Amino acid sequence: MSYEYKCVAGPTVVSVRRAKDREQGVKAFEDIMNREAAEGWEFVTVDEFHTSEPDGWLSRKRIYVSSKMLVFRREKARAVAVAAAAGPAAEASPAKQPQPALTAERAPDLVAEREKAGS
């Protein structure tokens, strides 16, 4: 059986006022999972990835951000069936914008970074 995979960015920050409101964060993940399932995608796992980003427009300092992504899969034959059901409107949709190139960098030891920031 052959699969295709899809990675979807998880919610970045879910702001809550009380501890019992944490369910909002869970609901955000649930909404993504249900949306993808409706398109024939099966949830596989949640994974974490790290990016290195400039601290500001003119800053040479880099900050390291940890993000979550949800990984889904579906059988390749299923993907063809879903596309056929969508009809010609799906084929006429504009092409996706190219994604920025990712470069692999080793994330710094977070403990060491925190110690530097604290001193």
PDB file of N, CA and C in Angstrom:
ATOM      1  N   MET A   1       0.852  -1.172   0.000  1.00  0.00           N
ATOM      2  CA  MET A   1       0.000   0.000   0.000  1.00  0.00           C
ATOM      3  C   MET A   1       0.898   1.235   0.000  1.00  0.00           C
ATOM      4  N   SER A   2       0.569   2.197  -0.844  1.00  0.00           N
ATOM      5  CA  SER A   2       1.378   3.401  -0.990  1.00  0.00           C
ATOM      6  C   SER A   2       0.612   4.590  -0.399  1.00  0.00           C
ATOM      7  N   TYR A   3       1.316   5.437   0.336  1.00  0.00           N
ATOM      8  CA  TYR A   3       0.697   6.588   1.004  1.00  0.00           C
ATOM      9  C   TYR A   3       1.323   7.890   0.535  1.00  0.00           C
ATOM     10  N   GLU A   4       0.552   8.937   0.649  1.00  0.00           N
ATOM     11  CA  GLU A   4       1.095  10.278   0.545  1.00  0.00           C
ATOM     12  C   GLU A   4       0.906  10.923   1.917  1.00  0.00           C
ATOM     13  N   TYR A   5       1.789  11.855   2.252  1.00  0.00           N
ATOM     14  CA  TYR A   5       1.768  12.468   3.579  1.00  0.00           C
ATOM     15  C   TYR A   5       1.564  13.972   3.467  1.00  0.00           C
ATOM     16  N   LYS A   6       0.993  14.520   4.521  1.00  0.00           N
ATOM     17  CA  LYS A   6       0.737  15.949   4.585  1.00  0.00           C
ATOM     18  C   LYS A   6       1.078  16.434   5.992  1.00  0.00           C
ATOM     19  N   CYS A   7       1.822  17.525   6.078  1.00  0.00           N
ATOM     20  CA  CYS A   7       2.143  18.133   7.376  1.00  0.00           C
ATOM     21  C   CYS A   7       1.412  19.467   7.475  1.00  0.00           C
ATOM     22  N   VAL A   8       0.765  19.693   8.603  1.00  0.00           N
ATOM     23  CA  VAL A   8      -0.011  20.908   8.825  1.00  0.00           C
ATOM     24  C   VAL A   8       0.501  21.570  10.099  1.00  0.00           C
ATOM     25  N   ALA A   9       0.754  22.865  10.023  1.00  0.00           N
ATOM     26  CA  ALA A   9       1.221  23.592  11.204  1.00  0.00           C
ATOM     27  C   ALA A   9       0.146  23.598  12.276  1.00  0.00           C
ATOM     28  N   GLY A  10       0.543  23.300  13.494  1.00  0.00           N
ATOM     29  CA  GLY A  10      -0.383  23.345  14.625  1.00  0.00           C
ATOM     30  C   GLY A  10      -0.539  24.772  15.115  1.00  0.00           C
ATOM     31  N   PRO A  11      -1.465  25.010  16.003  1.00  0.00           N
ATOM     32  CA  PRO A  11      -1.628  26.350  16.567  1.00  0.00           C
ATOM     33  C   PRO A  11      -0.327  26.799  17.230  1.00  0.00           C
ATOM     34  N   THR A  12       0.033  28.056  17.051  1.00  0.00           N
ATOM     35  CA  THR A  12       1.280  28.537  17.626  1.00  0.00           C
ATOM     36  C   THR A  12       1.123  28.915  19.090  1.00  0.00           C
ATOM     37  N   VAL A  13       0.195  29.792  19.375  1.00  0.00           N
ATOM     38  CA  VAL A  13      -0.024  30.220  20.762  1.00  0.00           C
ATOM     39  C   VAL A  13      -1.516  30.250  21.024  1.00  0.00           C
ATOM     40  N   VAL A  14      -1.928  29.601  22.086  1.00  0.00           N
ATOM     41  CA  VAL A  14      -3.323  29.645  22.501  1.00  0.00           C
ATOM     42  C   VAL A  14      -3.345  30.373  23.837  1.00  0.00           C
ATOM     43  N   SER A  15      -3.889  31.581  23.830  1.00  0.00           N
ATOM     44  CA  SER A  15      -3.899  32.410  25.026  1.00  0.00           C
ATOM     45  C   SER A  15      -5.152  32.113  25.855  1.00  0.00           C
ATOM     46  N   VAL A  16      -4.958  31.823  27.120  1.00  0.00           N
ATOM     47  CA  VAL A  16      -6.083  31.533  28.006  1.00  0.00           C
ATOM     48  C   VAL A  16      -5.951  32.370  29.276  1.00  0.00           C
ATOM     49  N   ARG A  17      -7.073  32.628  29.897  1.00  0.00           N
ATOM     50  CA  ARG A  17      -7.069  33.406  31.141  1.00  0.00           C
ATOM     51  C   ARG A  17      -7.032  32.515  32.368  1.00  0.00           C
ATOM     52  N   ARG A  18      -7.674  31.340  32.262  1.00  0.00           N
ATOM     53  CA  ARG A  18      -7.727  30.424  33.400  1.00  0.00           C
ATOM     54  C   ARG A  18      -7.286  29.039  32.949  1.00  0.00           C
ATOM     55  N   ALA A  19      -6.828  28.263  33.896  1.00  0.00           N
ATOM     56  CA  ALA A  19      -6.351  26.912  33.589  1.00  0.00           C
ATOM     57  C   ALA A  19      -7.437  26.073  32.936  1.00  0.00           C
ATOM     58  N   LYS A  20      -8.686  26.256  33.364  1.00  0.00           N
ATOM     59  CA  LYS A  20      -9.761  25.437  32.797  1.00  0.00           C
ATOM     60  C   LYS A  20     -10.049  25.796  31.343  1.00  0.00           C
ATOM     61  N   ASP A  21      -9.543  26.939  30.874  1.00  0.00           N
ATOM     62  CA  ASP A  21      -9.734  27.339  29.483  1.00  0.00           C
ATOM     63  C   ASP A  21      -8.729  26.679  28.537  1.00  0.00           C
ATOM     64  N   ARG A  22      -7.883  25.809  29.067  1.00  0.00           N
ATOM     65  CA  ARG A  22      -6.893  25.129  28.220  1.00  0.00           C
ATOM     66  C   ARG A  22      -7.558  24.278  27.157  1.00  0.00           C
ATOM     67  N   GLU A  23      -8.816  23.970  27.368  1.00  0.00           N
ATOM     68  CA  GLU A  23      -9.549  23.178  26.375  1.00  0.00           C
ATOM     69  C   GLU A  23      -9.584  23.881  25.021  1.00  0.00           C
ATOM     70  N   GLN A  24      -9.411  25.202  25.006  1.00  0.00           N
ATOM     71  CA  GLN A  24      -9.368  25.938  23.747  1.00  0.00           C
ATOM     72  C   GLN A  24      -8.211  25.440  22.882  1.00  0.00           C
ATOM     73  N   GLY A  25      -7.076  25.171  23.513  1.00  0.00           N
ATOM     74  CA  GLY A  25      -5.922  24.656  22.793  1.00  0.00           C
ATOM     75  C   GLY A  25      -6.189  23.284  22.220  1.00  0.00           C
ATOM     76  N   VAL A  26      -6.824  22.453  23.017  1.00  0.00           N
ATOM     77  CA  VAL A  26      -7.183  21.110  22.560  1.00  0.00           C
ATOM     78  C   VAL A  26      -8.166  21.222  21.401  1.00  0.00           C
ATOM     79  N   LYS A  27      -9.126  22.121  21.500  1.00  0.00           N
ATOM     80  CA  LYS A  27     -10.124  22.313  20.451  1.00  0.00           C
ATOM     81  C   LYS A  27      -9.475  22.777  19.147  1.00  0.00           C
ATOM     82  N   ALA A  28      -8.441  23.604  19.233  1.00  0.00           N
ATOM     83  CA  ALA A  28      -7.756  24.074  18.029  1.00  0.00           C
ATOM     84  C   ALA A  28      -7.134  22.894  17.279  1.00  0.00           C
ATOM     85  N   PHE A  29      -6.500  21.969  18.007  1.00  0.00           N
ATOM     86  CA  PHE A  29      -5.936  20.780  17.379  1.00  0.00           C
ATOM     87  C   PHE A  29      -7.048  19.883  16.830  1.00  0.00           C
ATOM     88  N   GLU A  30      -8.120  19.743  17.575  1.00  0.00           N
ATOM     89  CA  GLU A  30      -9.246  18.914  17.150  1.00  0.00           C
ATOM     90  C   GLU A  30      -9.848  19.435  15.855  1.00  0.00           C
ATOM     91  N   ASP A  31      -9.991  20.753  15.744  1.00  0.00           N
ATOM     92  CA  ASP A  31     -10.556  21.345  14.527  1.00  0.00           C
ATOM     93  C   ASP A  31      -9.690  21.034  13.306  1.00  0.00           C
ATOM     94  N   ILE A  32      -8.374  21.125  13.467  1.00  0.00           N
ATOM     95  CA  ILE A  32      -7.469  20.806  12.361  1.00  0.00           C
ATOM     96  C   ILE A  32      -7.616  19.340  11.965  1.00  0.00           C
ATOM     97  N   MET A  33      -7.652  18.470  12.969  1.00  0.00           N
ATOM     98  CA  MET A  33      -7.747  17.033  12.690  1.00  0.00           C
ATOM     99  C   MET A  33      -9.064  16.700  11.983  1.00  0.00           C
ATOM    100  N   ASN A  34     -10.166  17.282  12.416  1.00  0.00           N
ATOM    101  CA  ASN A  34     -11.465  17.014  11.781  1.00  0.00           C
ATOM    102  C   ASN A  34     -11.526  17.568  10.362  1.00  0.00           C
ATOM    103  N   ARG A  35     -10.925  18.731  10.150  1.00  0.00           N
ATOM    104  CA  ARG A  35     -10.904  19.330   8.806  1.00  0.00           C
ATOM    105  C   ARG A  35     -10.153  18.419   7.833  1.00  0.00           C
ATOM    106  N   GLU A  36      -8.999  17.920   8.262  1.00  0.00           N
ATOM    107  CA  GLU A  36      -8.196  17.056   7.393  1.00  0.00           C
ATOM    108  C   GLU A  36      -8.868  15.689   7.191  1.00  0.00           C
ATOM    109  N   ALA A  37      -9.500  15.170   8.221  1.00  0.00           N
ATOM    110  CA  ALA A  37     -10.198  13.880   8.106  1.00  0.00           C
ATOM    111  C   ALA A  37     -11.329  13.972   7.089  1.00  0.00           C
ATOM    112  N   ALA A  38     -11.998  15.116   7.028  1.00  0.00           N
ATOM    113  CA  ALA A  38     -13.077  15.302   6.065  1.00  0.00           C
ATOM    114  C   ALA A  38     -12.560  15.227   4.627  1.00  0.00           C
ATOM    115  N   GLU A  39     -11.265  15.482   4.433  1.00  0.00           N
ATOM    116  CA  GLU A  39     -10.657  15.410   3.106  1.00  0.00           C
ATOM    117  C   GLU A  39      -9.959  14.068   2.871  1.00  0.00           C
ATOM    118  N   GLY A  40     -10.184  13.109   3.777  1.00  0.00           N
ATOM    119  CA  GLY A  40      -9.641  11.771   3.584  1.00  0.00           C
ATOM    120  C   GLY A  40      -8.283  11.535   4.202  1.00  0.00           C
ATOM    121  N   TRP A  41      -7.784  12.467   5.012  1.00  0.00           N
ATOM    122  CA  TRP A  41      -6.470  12.317   5.638  1.00  0.00           C
ATOM    123  C   TRP A  41      -6.610  11.623   6.981  1.00  0.00           C
ATOM    124  N   GLU A  42      -5.714  10.686   7.253  1.00  0.00           N
ATOM    125  CA  GLU A  42      -5.672   9.947   8.517  1.00  0.00           C
ATOM    126  C   GLU A  42      -4.560  10.530   9.384  1.00  0.00           C
ATOM    127  N   PHE A  43      -4.876  10.862  10.630  1.00  0.00           N
ATOM    128  CA  PHE A  43      -3.881  11.414  11.550  1.00  0.00           C
ATOM    129  C   PHE A  43      -2.829  10.355  11.864  1.00  0.00           C
ATOM    130  N   VAL A  44      -1.551  10.769  11.839  1.00  0.00           N
ATOM    131  CA  VAL A  44      -0.447   9.868  12.151  1.00  0.00           C
ATOM    132  C   VAL A  44       0.208  10.255  13.470  1.00  0.00           C
ATOM    133  N   THR A  45       0.653  11.501  13.600  1.00  0.00           N
ATOM    134  CA  THR A  45       1.360  11.925  14.805  1.00  0.00           C
ATOM    135  C   THR A  45       1.464  13.444  14.872  1.00  0.00           C
ATOM    136  N   VAL A  46       1.884  13.932  16.022  1.00  0.00           N
ATOM    137  CA  VAL A  46       2.253  15.331  16.197  1.00  0.00           C
ATOM    138  C   VAL A  46       3.764  15.337  16.367  1.00  0.00           C
ATOM    139  N   ASP A  47       4.422  16.217  15.655  1.00  0.00           N
ATOM    140  CA  ASP A  47       5.870  16.302  15.746  1.00  0.00           C
ATOM    141  C   ASP A  47       6.257  17.743  16.016  1.00  0.00           C
ATOM    142  N   GLU A  48       7.471  17.937  16.448  1.00  0.00           N
ATOM    143  CA  GLU A  48       7.974  19.268  16.769  1.00  0.00           C
ATOM    144  C   GLU A  48       9.137  19.578  15.841  1.00  0.00           C
ATOM    145  N   PHE A  49       9.208  20.822  15.408  1.00  0.00           N
ATOM    146  CA  PHE A  49      10.352  21.244  14.617  1.00  0.00           C
ATOM    147  C   PHE A  49      10.801  22.615  15.110  1.00  0.00           C
ATOM    148  N   HIS A  50      12.033  22.962  14.799  1.00  0.00           N
ATOM    149  CA  HIS A  50      12.615  24.207  15.283  1.00  0.00           C
ATOM    150  C   HIS A  50      13.025  25.070  14.102  1.00  0.00           C
ATOM    151  N   THR A  51      12.827  26.361  14.244  1.00  0.00           N
ATOM    152  CA  THR A  51      13.257  27.297  13.218  1.00  0.00           C
ATOM    153  C   THR A  51      14.158  28.344  13.843  1.00  0.00           C
ATOM    154  N   SER A  52      15.002  28.903  13.024  1.00  0.00           N
ATOM    155  CA  SER A  52      15.872  30.000  13.431  1.00  0.00           C
ATOM    156  C   SER A  52      15.390  31.226  12.680  1.00  0.00           C
ATOM    157  N   GLU A  53      15.035  32.265  13.433  1.00  0.00           N
ATOM    158  CA  GLU A  53      14.456  33.456  12.819  1.00  0.00           C
ATOM    159  C   GLU A  53      15.179  34.695  13.309  1.00  0.00           C
ATOM    160  N   PRO A  54      15.232  35.752  12.472  1.00  0.00           N
ATOM    161  CA  PRO A  54      15.841  36.997  12.943  1.00  0.00           C
ATOM    162  C   PRO A  54      15.013  37.587  14.081  1.00  0.00           C
ATOM    163  N   ASP A  55      15.691  38.215  15.021  1.00  0.00           N
ATOM    164  CA  ASP A  55      15.022  38.810  16.180  1.00  0.00           C
ATOM    165  C   ASP A  55      14.298  40.100  15.804  1.00  0.00           C
ATOM    166  N   GLY A  56      14.621  40.666  14.699  1.00  0.00           N
ATOM    167  CA  GLY A  56      13.983  41.898  14.233  1.00  0.00           C
ATOM    168  C   GLY A  56      14.474  42.217  12.834  1.00  0.00           C
ATOM    169  N   TRP A  57      13.968  43.317  12.254  1.00  0.00           N
ATOM    170  CA  TRP A  57      14.318  43.667  10.884  1.00  0.00           C
ATOM    171  C   TRP A  57      15.826  43.840  10.701  1.00  0.00           C
ATOM    172  N   LEU A  58      16.455  44.535  11.619  1.00  0.00           N
ATOM    173  CA  LEU A  58      17.877  44.854  11.451  1.00  0.00           C
ATOM    174  C   LEU A  58      18.766  44.077  12.401  1.00  0.00           C
ATOM    175  N   SER A  59      18.204  43.202  13.161  1.00  0.00           N
ATOM    176  CA  SER A  59      18.964  42.470  14.167  1.00  0.00           C
ATOM    177  C   SER A  59      19.773  41.348  13.536  1.00  0.00           C
ATOM    178  N   ARG A  60      20.987  41.174  14.044  1.00  0.00           N
ATOM    179  CA  ARG A  60      21.801  40.027  13.634  1.00  0.00           C
ATOM    180  C   ARG A  60      21.559  38.855  14.569  1.00  0.00           C
ATOM    181  N   LYS A  61      20.921  39.139  15.692  1.00  0.00           N
ATOM    182  CA  LYS A  61      20.615  38.090  16.662  1.00  0.00           C
ATOM    183  C   LYS A  61      19.516  37.189  16.100  1.00  0.00           C
ATOM    184  N   ARG A  62      19.614  35.892  16.346  1.00  0.00           N
ATOM    185  CA  ARG A  62      18.634  34.924  15.894  1.00  0.00           C
ATOM    186  C   ARG A  62      17.911  34.361  17.110  1.00  0.00           C
ATOM    187  N   ILE A  63      16.648  34.102  16.943  1.00  0.00           N
ATOM    188  CA  ILE A  63      15.889  33.434  17.994  1.00  0.00           C
ATOM    189  C   ILE A  63      15.472  32.067  17.464  1.00  0.00           C
ATOM    190  N   TYR A  64      15.345  31.121  18.357  1.00  0.00           N
ATOM    191  CA  TYR A  64      14.963  29.764  17.982  1.00  0.00           C
ATOM    192  C   TYR A  64      13.548  29.513  18.475  1.00  0.00           C
ATOM    193  N   VAL A  65      12.701  29.113  17.548  1.00  0.00           N
ATOM    194  CA  VAL A  65      11.288  28.918  17.841  1.00  0.00           C
ATOM    195  C   VAL A  65      10.937  27.449  17.643  1.00  0.00           C
ATOM    196  N   SER A  66      10.223  26.905  18.594  1.00  0.00           N
ATOM    197  CA  SER A  66       9.771  25.522  18.526  1.00  0.00           C
ATOM    198  C   SER A  66       8.298  25.524  18.132  1.00  0.00           C
ATOM    199  N   SER A  67       7.954  24.742  17.119  1.00  0.00           N
ATOM    200  CA  SER A  67       6.574  24.691  16.629  1.00  0.00           C
ATOM    201  C   SER A  67       6.103  23.245  16.529  1.00  0.00           C
ATOM    202  N   LYS A  68       4.806  23.071  16.526  1.00  0.00           N
ATOM    203  CA  LYS A  68       4.200  21.742  16.382  1.00  0.00           C
ATOM    204  C   LYS A  68       3.626  21.599  14.971  1.00  0.00           C
ATOM    205  N   MET A  69       3.706  20.388  14.449  1.00  0.00           N
ATOM    206  CA  MET A  69       3.041  20.092  13.189  1.00  0.00           C
ATOM    207  C   MET A  69       2.314  18.767  13.326  1.00  0.00           C
ATOM    208  N   LEU A  70       1.174  18.686  12.682  1.00  0.00           N
ATOM    209  CA  LEU A  70       0.383  17.465  12.672  1.00  0.00           C
ATOM    210  C   LEU A  70       0.670  16.754  11.359  1.00  0.00           C
ATOM    211  N   VAL A  71       0.920  15.466  11.433  1.00  0.00           N
ATOM    212  CA  VAL A  71       1.242  14.676  10.249  1.00  0.00           C
ATOM    213  C   VAL A  71       0.046  13.773   9.928  1.00  0.00           C
ATOM    214  N   PHE A  72      -0.363  13.807   8.659  1.00  0.00           N
ATOM    215  CA  PHE A  72      -1.490  13.017   8.181  1.00  0.00           C
ATOM    216  C   PHE A  72      -1.025  12.176   7.001  1.00  0.00           C
ATOM    217  N   ARG A  73      -1.766  11.111   6.711  1.00  0.00           N
ATOM    218  CA  ARG A  73      -1.481  10.300   5.532  1.00  0.00           C
ATOM    219  C   ARG A  73      -2.796   9.816   4.931  1.00  0.00           C
ATOM    220  N   ARG A  74      -2.717   9.444   3.658  1.00  0.00           N
ATOM    221  CA  ARG A  74      -3.839   8.789   2.991  1.00  0.00           C
ATOM    222  C   ARG A  74      -3.280   7.952   1.845  1.00  0.00           C
ATOM    223  N   GLU A  75      -4.036   6.936   1.493  1.00  0.00           N
ATOM    224  CA  GLU A  75      -3.625   6.080   0.394  1.00  0.00           C
ATOM    225  C   GLU A  75      -3.615   6.898  -0.890  1.00  0.00           C
ATOM    226  N   LYS A  76      -2.652   6.633  -1.746  1.00  0.00           N
ATOM    227  CA  LYS A  76      -2.568   7.381  -2.998  1.00  0.00           C
ATOM    228  C   LYS A  76      -3.815   7.193  -3.847  1.00  0.00           C
ATOM    229  N   ALA A  77      -4.379   6.009  -3.865  1.00  0.00           N
ATOM    230  CA  ALA A  77      -5.610   5.770  -4.618  1.00  0.00           C
ATOM    231  C   ALA A  77      -6.744   6.622  -4.066  1.00  0.00           C
ATOM    232  N   ARG A  78      -6.778   6.807  -2.755  1.00  0.00           N
ATOM    233  CA  ARG A  78      -7.802   7.639  -2.113  1.00  0.00           C
ATOM    234  C   ARG A  78      -7.649   9.098  -2.541  1.00  0.00           C
ATOM    235  N   ALA A  79      -6.410   9.555  -2.695  1.00  0.00           N
ATOM    236  CA  ALA A  79      -6.157  10.937  -3.108  1.00  0.00           C
ATOM    237  C   ALA A  79      -6.728  11.194  -4.493  1.00  0.00           C
ATOM    238  N   VAL A  80      -6.604  10.236  -5.389  1.00  0.00           N
ATOM    239  CA  VAL A  80      -7.148  10.368  -6.739  1.00  0.00           C
ATOM    240  C   VAL A  80      -8.671  10.436  -6.681  1.00  0.00           C
ATOM    241  N   ALA A  81      -9.287   9.600  -5.849  1.00  0.00           N
ATOM    242  CA  ALA A  81     -10.742   9.589  -5.715  1.00  0.00           C
ATOM    243  C   ALA A  81     -11.259  10.910  -5.151  1.00  0.00           C
ATOM    244  N   VAL A  82     -10.569  11.457  -4.158  1.00  0.00           N
ATOM    245  CA  VAL A  82     -10.987  12.738  -3.559  1.00  0.00           C
ATOM    246  C   VAL A  82     -10.865  13.853  -4.586  1.00  0.00           C
ATOM    247  N   ALA A  83      -9.777  13.860  -5.374  1.00  0.00           N
ATOM    248  CA  ALA A  83      -9.591  14.888  -6.391  1.00  0.00           C
ATOM    249  C   ALA A  83     -10.664  14.783  -7.471  1.00  0.00           C
ATOM    250  N   ALA A  84     -11.015  13.568  -7.849  1.00  0.00           N
ATOM    251  CA  ALA A  84     -12.047  13.373  -8.864  1.00  0.00           C
ATOM    252  C   ALA A  84     -13.406  13.854  -8.354  1.00  0.00           C
ATOM    253  N   ALA A  85     -13.687  13.619  -7.077  1.00  0.00           N
ATOM    254  CA  ALA A  85     -14.955  14.054  -6.490  1.00  0.00           C
ATOM    255  C   ALA A  85     -15.035  15.571  -6.410  1.00  0.00           C
ATOM    256  N   ALA A  86     -13.874  16.241  -6.274  1.00  0.00           N
ATOM    257  CA  ALA A  86     -13.848  17.703  -6.180  1.00  0.00           C
ATOM    258  C   ALA A  86     -14.205  18.335  -7.515  1.00  0.00           C
ATOM    259  N   GLY A  87     -13.967  17.622  -8.600  1.00  0.00           N
ATOM    260  CA  GLY A  87     -14.339  18.101  -9.923  1.00  0.00           C
ATOM    261  C   GLY A  87     -13.349  19.079 -10.510  1.00  0.00           C
ATOM    262  N   PRO A  88     -13.710  19.662 -11.661  1.00  0.00           N
ATOM    263  CA  PRO A  88     -12.790  20.550 -12.374  1.00  0.00           C
ATOM    264  C   PRO A  88     -12.482  21.840 -11.622  1.00  0.00           C
ATOM    265  N   ALA A  89     -13.337  22.258 -10.712  1.00  0.00           N
ATOM    266  CA  ALA A  89     -13.076  23.488  -9.946  1.00  0.00           C
ATOM    267  C   ALA A  89     -11.797  23.366  -9.146  1.00  0.00           C
ATOM    268  N   ALA A  90     -11.528  22.167  -8.629  1.00  0.00           N
ATOM    269  CA  ALA A  90     -10.304  21.963  -7.856  1.00  0.00           C
ATOM    270  C   ALA A  90      -9.078  22.066  -8.741  1.00  0.00           C
ATOM    271  N   GLU A  91      -9.201  21.599 -10.007  1.00  0.00           N
ATOM    272  CA  GLU A  91      -8.073  21.664 -10.921  1.00  0.00           C
ATOM    273  C   GLU A  91      -7.793  23.096 -11.348  1.00  0.00           C
ATOM    274  N   ALA A  92      -8.812  23.936 -11.394  1.00  0.00           N
ATOM    275  CA  ALA A  92      -8.649  25.310 -11.838  1.00  0.00           C
ATOM    276  C   ALA A  92      -8.153  26.230 -10.740  1.00  0.00           C
ATOM    277  N   SER A  93      -8.041  25.731  -9.526  1.00  0.00           N
ATOM    278  CA  SER A  93      -7.599  26.587  -8.428  1.00  0.00           C
ATOM    279  C   SER A  93      -6.152  26.998  -8.643  1.00  0.00           C
ATOM    280  N   PRO A  94      -5.784  28.208  -8.186  1.00  0.00           N
ATOM    281  CA  PRO A  94      -4.422  28.692  -8.409  1.00  0.00           C
ATOM    282  C   PRO A  94      -3.394  27.811  -7.707  1.00  0.00           C
ATOM    283  N   ALA A  95      -2.204  27.785  -8.270  1.00  0.00           N
ATOM    284  CA  ALA A  95      -1.117  26.991  -7.696  1.00  0.00           C
ATOM    285  C   ALA A  95      -0.720  27.544  -6.338  1.00  0.00           C
ATOM    286  N   LYS A  96      -0.252  26.667  -5.484  1.00  0.00           N
ATOM    287  CA  LYS A  96       0.189  27.100  -4.153  1.00  0.00           C
ATOM    288  C   LYS A  96       1.443  27.949  -4.280  1.00  0.00           C
ATOM    289  N   GLN A  97       1.567  28.908  -3.380  1.00  0.00           N
ATOM    290  CA  GLN A  97       2.767  29.724  -3.332  1.00  0.00           C
ATOM    291  C   GLN A  97       3.940  28.864  -2.912  1.00  0.00           C
ATOM    292  N   PRO A  98       5.123  29.099  -3.472  1.00  0.00           N
ATOM    293  CA  PRO A  98       6.275  28.301  -3.054  1.00  0.00           C
ATOM    294  C   PRO A  98       6.589  28.539  -1.579  1.00  0.00           C
ATOM    295  N   GLN A  99       6.955  27.485  -0.909  1.00  0.00           N
ATOM    296  CA  GLN A  99       7.304  27.573   0.501  1.00  0.00           C
ATOM    297  C   GLN A  99       8.756  28.015   0.635  1.00  0.00           C
ATOM    298  N   PRO A 100       9.086  28.762   1.696  1.00  0.00           N
ATOM    299  CA  PRO A 100      10.478  29.181   1.868  1.00  0.00           C
ATOM    300  C   PRO A 100      11.373  27.963   2.085  1.00  0.00           C
ATOM    301  N   ALA A 101      12.580  28.077   1.587  1.00  0.00           N
ATOM    302  CA  ALA A 101      13.533  26.980   1.753  1.00  0.00           C
ATOM    303  C   ALA A 101      13.927  26.876   3.218  1.00  0.00           C
ATOM    304  N   LEU A 102      14.019  25.662   3.705  1.00  0.00           N
ATOM    305  CA  LEU A 102      14.421  25.429   5.081  1.00  0.00           C
ATOM    306  C   LEU A 102      15.877  25.011   5.093  1.00  0.00           C
ATOM    307  N   THR A 103      16.617  25.534   6.038  1.00  0.00           N
ATOM    308  CA  THR A 103      17.997  25.102   6.193  1.00  0.00           C
ATOM    309  C   THR A 103      18.134  24.453   7.551  1.00  0.00           C
ATOM    310  N   ALA A 104      18.874  23.393   7.594  1.00  0.00           N
ATOM    311  CA  ALA A 104      19.057  22.671   8.852  1.00  0.00           C
ATOM    312  C   ALA A 104      20.133  23.366   9.668  1.00  0.00           C
ATOM    313  N   GLU A 105      19.787  23.757  10.849  1.00  0.00           N
ATOM    314  CA  GLU A 105      20.729  24.335  11.790  1.00  0.00           C
ATOM    315  C   GLU A 105      20.563  23.609  13.104  1.00  0.00           C
ATOM    316  N   ARG A 106      21.630  23.458  13.800  1.00  0.00           N
ATOM    317  CA  ARG A 106      21.552  22.823  15.101  1.00  0.00           C
ATOM    318  C   ARG A 106      21.052  23.865  16.093  1.00  0.00           C
ATOM    319  N   ALA A 107      19.967  23.556  16.764  1.00  0.00           N
ATOM    320  CA  ALA A 107      19.426  24.472  17.772  1.00  0.00           C
ATOM    321  C   ALA A 107      20.390  24.524  18.947  1.00  0.00           C
ATOM    322  N   PRO A 108      20.629  25.708  19.499  1.00  0.00           N
ATOM    323  CA  PRO A 108      21.553  25.809  20.624  1.00  0.00           C
ATOM    324  C   PRO A 108      20.986  25.121  21.854  1.00  0.00           C
ATOM    325  N   ASP A 109      21.863  24.784  22.741  1.00  0.00           N
ATOM    326  CA  ASP A 109      21.438  24.191  24.006  1.00  0.00           C
ATOM    327  C   ASP A 109      20.603  25.241  24.731  1.00  0.00           C
ATOM    328  N   LEU A 110      19.323  24.957  24.914  1.00  0.00           N
ATOM    329  CA  LEU A 110      18.414  25.945  25.486  1.00  0.00           C
ATOM    330  C   LEU A 110      18.790  26.328  26.908  1.00  0.00           C
ATOM    331  N   VAL A 111      19.326  25.384  27.658  1.00  0.00           N
ATOM    332  CA  VAL A 111      19.735  25.699  29.026  1.00  0.00           C
ATOM    333  C   VAL A 111      20.859  26.721  29.005  1.00  0.00           C
ATOM    334  N   ALA A 112      21.835  26.516  28.120  1.00  0.00           N
ATOM    335  CA  ALA A 112      22.951  27.453  28.023  1.00  0.00           C
ATOM    336  C   ALA A 112      22.460  28.825  27.592  1.00  0.00           C
ATOM    337  N   GLU A 113      21.526  28.857  26.657  1.00  0.00           N
ATOM    338  CA  GLU A 113      20.965  30.135  26.213  1.00  0.00           C
ATOM    339  C   GLU A 113      20.270  30.871  27.350  1.00  0.00           C
ATOM    340  N   ARG A 114      19.509  30.122  28.140  1.00  0.00           N
ATOM    341  CA  ARG A 114      18.794  30.738  29.263  1.00  0.00           C
ATOM    342  C   ARG A 114      19.772  31.252  30.303  1.00  0.00           C
ATOM    343  N   GLU A 115      20.838  30.511  30.535  1.00  0.00           N
ATOM    344  CA  GLU A 115      21.837  30.953  31.504  1.00  0.00           C
ATOM    345  C   GLU A 115      22.497  32.242  31.037  1.00  0.00           C
ATOM    346  N   LYS A 116      22.808  32.349  29.742  1.00  0.00           N
ATOM    347  CA  LYS A 116      23.412  33.559  29.193  1.00  0.00           C
ATOM    348  C   LYS A 116      22.458  34.744  29.346  1.00  0.00           C
ATOM    349  N   ALA A 117      21.191  34.511  29.048  1.00  0.00           N
ATOM    350  CA  ALA A 117      20.187  35.573  29.123  1.00  0.00           C
ATOM    351  C   ALA A 117      19.993  36.037  30.568  1.00  0.00           C
ATOM    352  N   GLY A 118      20.113  35.124  31.495  1.00  0.00           N
ATOM    353  CA  GLY A 118      19.910  35.468  32.902  1.00  0.00           C
ATOM    354  C   GLY A 118      21.078  36.202  33.528  1.00  0.00           C
ATOM    355  N   SER A 119      22.288  36.112  32.947  1.00  0.00           N
ATOM    356  CA  SER A 119      23.456  36.762  33.542  1.00  0.00           C
ATOM    357  C   SER A 119      23.671  38.166  33.089  1.00  0.00           C
TER     358      SER A 119
END
